[in-house]
């Protein structure tokens, strides 16, 4: 099982309810990708179960991406790191949404710029 912190879970729900993402799972995966692209290695968080690993990462693409990008920085089980990444990413996306809308072009531009450094 895999999840997010108690503080971030309602934000994940809200991103779906407000129509920013079709499903909570989409926002969760995007949060992981956003954190990875930004080079963030978030601190440990206490999480509550939201999804099964099989639904988040059915073909282990996320697992392999985390291992490839973070390498030795992963000092915990890889799906624990996925939770930490998702937690950070969802929080960042929610803060953007709280301004009124999510500027996906701006977020993707940030991700691209970070990858070029």
N, C-alpha and C. Protein backbone atom coordinates (compact mmCIF):
# COMPACT_ATOMS: atom_id res chain seq x y z
N UNK A 1 0.84 -1.18 0.00
CA UNK A 1 0.00 0.00 0.00
C UNK A 1 0.88 1.24 0.00
N UNK A 2 0.32 2.33 -0.50
CA UNK A 2 1.08 3.56 -0.67
C UNK A 2 0.14 4.75 -0.45
N UNK A 3 0.68 5.86 0.05
CA UNK A 3 -0.21 6.97 0.35
C UNK A 3 0.48 8.31 0.43
N UNK A 4 -0.14 9.22 1.17
CA UNK A 4 0.39 10.56 1.42
C UNK A 4 0.14 10.91 2.88
N UNK A 5 0.67 12.04 3.30
CA UNK A 5 0.48 12.46 4.69
C UNK A 5 -0.98 12.84 4.94
N UNK A 6 -1.33 12.84 6.20
CA UNK A 6 -2.69 13.21 6.59
C UNK A 6 -3.01 14.64 6.15
N UNK A 7 -2.02 15.49 6.15
CA UNK A 7 -2.19 16.89 5.75
C UNK A 7 -2.41 17.03 4.24
N UNK A 8 -1.77 16.19 3.46
CA UNK A 8 -1.82 16.31 1.99
C UNK A 8 -3.00 15.55 1.38
N UNK A 9 -3.50 14.53 2.06
CA UNK A 9 -4.59 13.72 1.51
C UNK A 9 -5.81 14.56 1.10
N UNK A 10 -6.30 15.48 1.95
CA UNK A 10 -7.44 16.30 1.51
C UNK A 10 -7.11 17.19 0.31
N UNK A 11 -5.86 17.58 0.20
CA UNK A 11 -5.44 18.40 -0.94
C UNK A 11 -5.47 17.58 -2.22
N UNK A 12 -5.06 16.33 -2.11
CA UNK A 12 -5.12 15.41 -3.25
C UNK A 12 -6.57 15.24 -3.70
N UNK A 13 -7.46 15.05 -2.75
CA UNK A 13 -8.89 14.93 -3.07
C UNK A 13 -9.41 16.20 -3.74
N UNK A 14 -8.99 17.33 -3.21
CA UNK A 14 -9.47 18.61 -3.72
C UNK A 14 -9.02 18.85 -5.17
N UNK A 15 -7.80 18.43 -5.48
CA UNK A 15 -7.32 18.58 -6.86
C UNK A 15 -8.21 17.84 -7.84
N UNK A 16 -8.73 16.68 -7.42
CA UNK A 16 -9.66 15.93 -8.27
C UNK A 16 -11.03 16.60 -8.29
N UNK A 17 -11.54 16.92 -7.10
CA UNK A 17 -12.88 17.50 -6.99
C UNK A 17 -13.01 18.81 -7.77
N UNK A 18 -11.94 19.59 -7.77
CA UNK A 18 -11.97 20.88 -8.47
C UNK A 18 -11.69 20.75 -9.96
N UNK A 19 -11.48 19.51 -10.43
CA UNK A 19 -11.31 19.26 -11.85
C UNK A 19 -9.92 19.51 -12.41
N UNK A 20 -8.94 19.68 -11.53
CA UNK A 20 -7.57 19.89 -12.01
C UNK A 20 -6.99 18.59 -12.57
N UNK A 21 -7.41 17.47 -12.00
CA UNK A 21 -7.00 16.14 -12.46
C UNK A 21 -8.24 15.27 -12.53
N UNK A 22 -8.27 14.37 -13.49
CA UNK A 22 -9.43 13.50 -13.65
C UNK A 22 -9.57 12.55 -12.47
N UNK A 23 -8.46 12.03 -11.99
CA UNK A 23 -8.45 11.09 -10.87
C UNK A 23 -7.37 11.50 -9.87
N UNK A 24 -7.55 11.13 -8.61
CA UNK A 24 -6.54 11.39 -7.60
C UNK A 24 -5.23 10.70 -7.97
N UNK A 25 -5.33 9.54 -8.56
CA UNK A 25 -4.14 8.79 -8.97
C UNK A 25 -3.31 9.58 -9.98
N UNK A 26 -3.98 10.32 -10.87
CA UNK A 26 -3.26 11.14 -11.84
C UNK A 26 -2.46 12.24 -11.14
N UNK A 27 -3.08 12.89 -10.17
CA UNK A 27 -2.39 13.94 -9.41
C UNK A 27 -1.24 13.36 -8.61
N UNK A 28 -1.44 12.17 -8.06
CA UNK A 28 -0.41 11.49 -7.27
C UNK A 28 0.81 11.19 -8.14
N UNK A 29 0.57 10.61 -9.30
CA UNK A 29 1.68 10.29 -10.21
C UNK A 29 2.37 11.57 -10.70
N UNK A 30 1.58 12.59 -11.02
CA UNK A 30 2.17 13.84 -11.47
C UNK A 30 3.02 14.45 -10.36
N UNK A 31 2.56 14.34 -9.12
CA UNK A 31 3.33 14.84 -7.98
C UNK A 31 4.69 14.17 -7.88
N UNK A 32 4.72 12.87 -8.09
CA UNK A 32 5.99 12.13 -8.08
C UNK A 32 6.90 12.64 -9.20
N UNK A 33 6.35 12.75 -10.40
CA UNK A 33 7.13 13.21 -11.55
C UNK A 33 7.65 14.63 -11.33
N UNK A 34 6.81 15.49 -10.78
CA UNK A 34 7.20 16.88 -10.53
C UNK A 34 8.37 16.94 -9.54
N UNK A 35 8.25 16.20 -8.46
CA UNK A 35 9.33 16.19 -7.46
C UNK A 35 10.62 15.64 -8.05
N UNK A 36 10.52 14.55 -8.81
CA UNK A 36 11.72 13.99 -9.44
C UNK A 36 12.36 15.00 -10.39
N UNK A 37 11.54 15.64 -11.20
CA UNK A 37 12.05 16.60 -12.18
C UNK A 37 12.70 17.80 -11.51
N UNK A 38 12.20 18.17 -10.34
CA UNK A 38 12.74 19.33 -9.64
C UNK A 38 13.95 18.98 -8.78
N UNK A 39 14.31 17.71 -8.75
CA UNK A 39 15.50 17.29 -8.00
C UNK A 39 15.31 17.28 -6.50
N UNK A 40 14.08 17.18 -6.06
CA UNK A 40 13.77 17.21 -4.64
C UNK A 40 13.96 15.82 -4.03
N UNK A 41 14.54 15.79 -2.84
CA UNK A 41 14.60 14.56 -2.05
C UNK A 41 13.94 14.91 -0.72
N UNK A 42 12.61 14.74 -0.65
CA UNK A 42 11.86 15.19 0.52
C UNK A 42 12.19 14.39 1.78
N UNK A 43 11.95 15.04 2.91
CA UNK A 43 12.12 14.38 4.20
C UNK A 43 11.06 13.30 4.39
N UNK A 44 11.32 12.43 5.34
CA UNK A 44 10.38 11.36 5.69
C UNK A 44 9.07 11.98 6.16
N UNK A 45 7.96 11.36 5.77
CA UNK A 45 6.64 11.80 6.21
C UNK A 45 5.87 10.59 6.72
N UNK A 46 4.99 10.85 7.64
CA UNK A 46 4.07 9.81 8.10
C UNK A 46 2.92 9.80 7.11
N UNK A 47 2.61 8.64 6.56
CA UNK A 47 1.59 8.61 5.52
C UNK A 47 0.44 7.69 5.88
N UNK A 48 -0.68 7.97 5.25
CA UNK A 48 -1.84 7.10 5.36
C UNK A 48 -2.08 6.47 4.00
N UNK A 49 -2.52 5.25 4.01
CA UNK A 49 -2.73 4.51 2.77
C UNK A 49 -3.84 5.14 1.94
N UNK A 50 -3.56 5.30 0.65
CA UNK A 50 -4.55 5.83 -0.28
C UNK A 50 -4.74 4.87 -1.46
N UNK A 51 -3.64 4.29 -1.94
CA UNK A 51 -3.68 3.44 -3.13
C UNK A 51 -2.92 2.15 -2.88
N UNK A 52 -3.16 1.18 -3.75
CA UNK A 52 -2.30 0.00 -3.77
C UNK A 52 -1.13 0.31 -4.71
N UNK A 53 0.02 -0.26 -4.42
CA UNK A 53 1.18 -0.07 -5.29
C UNK A 53 0.85 -0.52 -6.71
N UNK A 54 0.09 -1.60 -6.83
CA UNK A 54 -0.26 -2.14 -8.16
C UNK A 54 -1.06 -1.14 -8.99
N UNK A 55 -1.87 -0.30 -8.35
CA UNK A 55 -2.63 0.69 -9.11
C UNK A 55 -1.77 1.91 -9.45
N UNK A 56 -0.85 2.28 -8.59
CA UNK A 56 0.02 3.43 -8.84
C UNK A 56 1.08 3.10 -9.89
N UNK A 57 1.65 1.91 -9.78
CA UNK A 57 2.81 1.56 -10.60
C UNK A 57 2.71 0.12 -11.11
N UNK A 58 1.71 -0.15 -11.97
CA UNK A 58 1.47 -1.54 -12.38
C UNK A 58 2.63 -2.20 -13.12
N UNK A 59 3.44 -1.41 -13.81
CA UNK A 59 4.55 -1.99 -14.57
C UNK A 59 5.92 -1.61 -14.00
N UNK A 60 5.93 -1.05 -12.82
CA UNK A 60 7.14 -0.64 -12.09
C UNK A 60 7.93 0.46 -12.78
N UNK A 61 7.29 1.21 -13.64
CA UNK A 61 7.96 2.33 -14.30
C UNK A 61 8.37 3.40 -13.29
N UNK A 62 7.49 3.69 -12.35
CA UNK A 62 7.80 4.70 -11.34
C UNK A 62 8.95 4.23 -10.46
N UNK A 63 8.91 2.98 -10.06
CA UNK A 63 9.99 2.41 -9.24
C UNK A 63 11.33 2.56 -9.95
N UNK A 64 11.37 2.17 -11.22
CA UNK A 64 12.62 2.24 -11.98
C UNK A 64 13.07 3.68 -12.20
N UNK A 65 12.13 4.59 -12.40
CA UNK A 65 12.48 6.00 -12.57
C UNK A 65 13.10 6.56 -11.30
N UNK A 66 12.51 6.25 -10.16
CA UNK A 66 13.05 6.73 -8.88
C UNK A 66 14.46 6.18 -8.68
N UNK A 67 14.64 4.90 -8.93
CA UNK A 67 15.96 4.29 -8.76
C UNK A 67 16.98 4.91 -9.72
N UNK A 68 16.58 5.14 -10.96
CA UNK A 68 17.50 5.69 -11.96
C UNK A 68 17.86 7.14 -11.67
N UNK A 69 16.88 7.93 -11.26
CA UNK A 69 17.11 9.36 -11.05
C UNK A 69 17.78 9.64 -9.71
N UNK A 70 17.32 8.98 -8.67
CA UNK A 70 17.85 9.27 -7.33
C UNK A 70 19.01 8.38 -6.93
N UNK A 71 19.10 7.21 -7.51
CA UNK A 71 20.22 6.31 -7.23
C UNK A 71 20.47 6.10 -5.75
N UNK A 72 21.68 6.42 -5.30
CA UNK A 72 22.08 6.19 -3.91
C UNK A 72 21.37 7.11 -2.91
N UNK A 73 20.67 8.12 -3.40
CA UNK A 73 19.94 9.00 -2.49
C UNK A 73 18.73 8.31 -1.88
N UNK A 74 18.32 7.19 -2.47
CA UNK A 74 17.18 6.44 -1.94
C UNK A 74 17.70 5.56 -0.80
N UNK A 75 17.49 6.03 0.42
CA UNK A 75 17.96 5.32 1.61
C UNK A 75 16.81 4.65 2.35
N UNK A 76 15.74 4.37 1.62
CA UNK A 76 14.56 3.73 2.19
C UNK A 76 13.93 2.89 1.08
N UNK A 77 12.92 2.08 1.40
CA UNK A 77 12.24 1.34 0.33
C UNK A 77 11.74 2.31 -0.75
N UNK A 78 11.84 1.91 -1.99
CA UNK A 78 11.57 2.81 -3.11
C UNK A 78 10.14 3.36 -3.08
N UNK A 79 9.17 2.58 -2.65
CA UNK A 79 7.81 3.11 -2.62
C UNK A 79 7.59 4.02 -1.42
N UNK A 80 8.40 3.94 -0.41
CA UNK A 80 8.38 4.93 0.67
C UNK A 80 8.88 6.26 0.10
N UNK A 81 9.91 6.19 -0.73
CA UNK A 81 10.39 7.41 -1.40
C UNK A 81 9.32 7.96 -2.34
N UNK A 82 8.61 7.09 -3.03
CA UNK A 82 7.52 7.54 -3.91
C UNK A 82 6.49 8.32 -3.11
N UNK A 83 6.17 7.86 -1.91
CA UNK A 83 5.23 8.58 -1.04
C UNK A 83 5.75 9.97 -0.71
N UNK A 84 7.02 10.04 -0.38
CA UNK A 84 7.63 11.32 -0.03
C UNK A 84 7.61 12.28 -1.22
N UNK A 85 7.94 11.75 -2.39
CA UNK A 85 7.93 12.56 -3.61
C UNK A 85 6.51 13.03 -3.94
N UNK A 86 5.55 12.12 -3.86
CA UNK A 86 4.16 12.47 -4.15
C UNK A 86 3.67 13.52 -3.17
N UNK A 87 4.01 13.36 -1.91
CA UNK A 87 3.59 14.30 -0.88
C UNK A 87 4.09 15.71 -1.22
N UNK A 88 5.37 15.82 -1.57
CA UNK A 88 5.94 17.12 -1.93
C UNK A 88 5.27 17.67 -3.19
N UNK A 89 5.16 16.83 -4.21
CA UNK A 89 4.60 17.28 -5.48
C UNK A 89 3.15 17.71 -5.38
N UNK A 90 2.34 16.92 -4.69
CA UNK A 90 0.92 17.27 -4.53
C UNK A 90 0.79 18.58 -3.76
N UNK A 91 1.60 18.76 -2.73
CA UNK A 91 1.58 20.01 -1.96
C UNK A 91 1.89 21.21 -2.86
N UNK A 92 2.91 21.08 -3.68
CA UNK A 92 3.29 22.17 -4.59
C UNK A 92 2.18 22.46 -5.61
N UNK A 93 1.60 21.42 -6.16
CA UNK A 93 0.53 21.58 -7.16
C UNK A 93 -0.69 22.21 -6.50
N UNK A 94 -1.00 21.78 -5.29
CA UNK A 94 -2.14 22.34 -4.57
C UNK A 94 -1.95 23.84 -4.31
N UNK A 95 -0.75 24.22 -3.93
CA UNK A 95 -0.47 25.64 -3.69
C UNK A 95 -0.69 26.45 -4.96
N UNK A 96 -0.33 25.90 -6.09
CA UNK A 96 -0.58 26.56 -7.38
C UNK A 96 -2.09 26.66 -7.62
N UNK A 97 -2.82 25.58 -7.35
CA UNK A 97 -4.27 25.57 -7.55
C UNK A 97 -4.97 26.56 -6.64
N UNK A 98 -4.43 26.76 -5.44
CA UNK A 98 -5.04 27.67 -4.47
C UNK A 98 -5.01 29.12 -4.97
N UNK A 99 -4.16 29.40 -5.94
CA UNK A 99 -4.09 30.74 -6.53
C UNK A 99 -5.22 30.96 -7.53
N UNK A 100 -5.97 29.90 -7.84
CA UNK A 100 -7.09 30.02 -8.75
C UNK A 100 -7.08 28.99 -9.86
N UNK A 101 -5.91 28.68 -10.35
CA UNK A 101 -5.80 27.65 -11.37
C UNK A 101 -4.36 27.13 -11.38
N UNK A 102 -4.18 26.01 -12.04
CA UNK A 102 -2.85 25.44 -12.17
C UNK A 102 -2.32 25.82 -13.54
N UNK A 103 -1.22 26.52 -13.55
CA UNK A 103 -0.58 26.91 -14.80
C UNK A 103 0.37 25.77 -15.19
N UNK A 104 -0.17 24.78 -15.89
CA UNK A 104 0.62 23.60 -16.26
C UNK A 104 1.79 23.96 -17.16
N UNK A 105 1.61 24.93 -18.02
CA UNK A 105 2.71 25.34 -18.89
C UNK A 105 3.88 25.84 -18.04
N UNK A 106 3.58 26.65 -17.04
CA UNK A 106 4.62 27.16 -16.15
C UNK A 106 5.30 26.03 -15.38
N UNK A 107 4.51 25.09 -14.88
CA UNK A 107 5.08 23.95 -14.15
C UNK A 107 5.97 23.12 -15.07
N UNK A 108 5.49 22.83 -16.26
CA UNK A 108 6.29 22.05 -17.21
C UNK A 108 7.55 22.81 -17.63
N UNK A 109 7.45 24.13 -17.76
CA UNK A 109 8.64 24.93 -18.08
C UNK A 109 9.66 24.86 -16.95
N UNK A 110 9.19 24.90 -15.69
CA UNK A 110 10.10 24.76 -14.54
C UNK A 110 10.79 23.40 -14.57
N UNK A 111 10.02 22.37 -14.86
CA UNK A 111 10.58 21.02 -14.91
C UNK A 111 11.63 20.93 -16.02
N UNK A 112 11.32 21.51 -17.16
CA UNK A 112 12.26 21.46 -18.29
C UNK A 112 13.53 22.23 -17.96
N UNK A 113 13.38 23.43 -17.39
CA UNK A 113 14.54 24.25 -17.05
C UNK A 113 15.42 23.54 -16.03
N UNK A 114 14.81 22.89 -15.06
CA UNK A 114 15.58 22.16 -14.04
C UNK A 114 16.36 21.02 -14.67
N UNK A 115 15.75 20.35 -15.65
CA UNK A 115 16.42 19.22 -16.29
C UNK A 115 17.60 19.65 -17.15
N UNK A 116 17.62 20.92 -17.54
CA UNK A 116 18.69 21.43 -18.39
C UNK A 116 19.86 21.99 -17.59
N UNK A 117 19.74 22.00 -16.27
CA UNK A 117 20.83 22.54 -15.44
C UNK A 117 21.77 21.45 -14.99
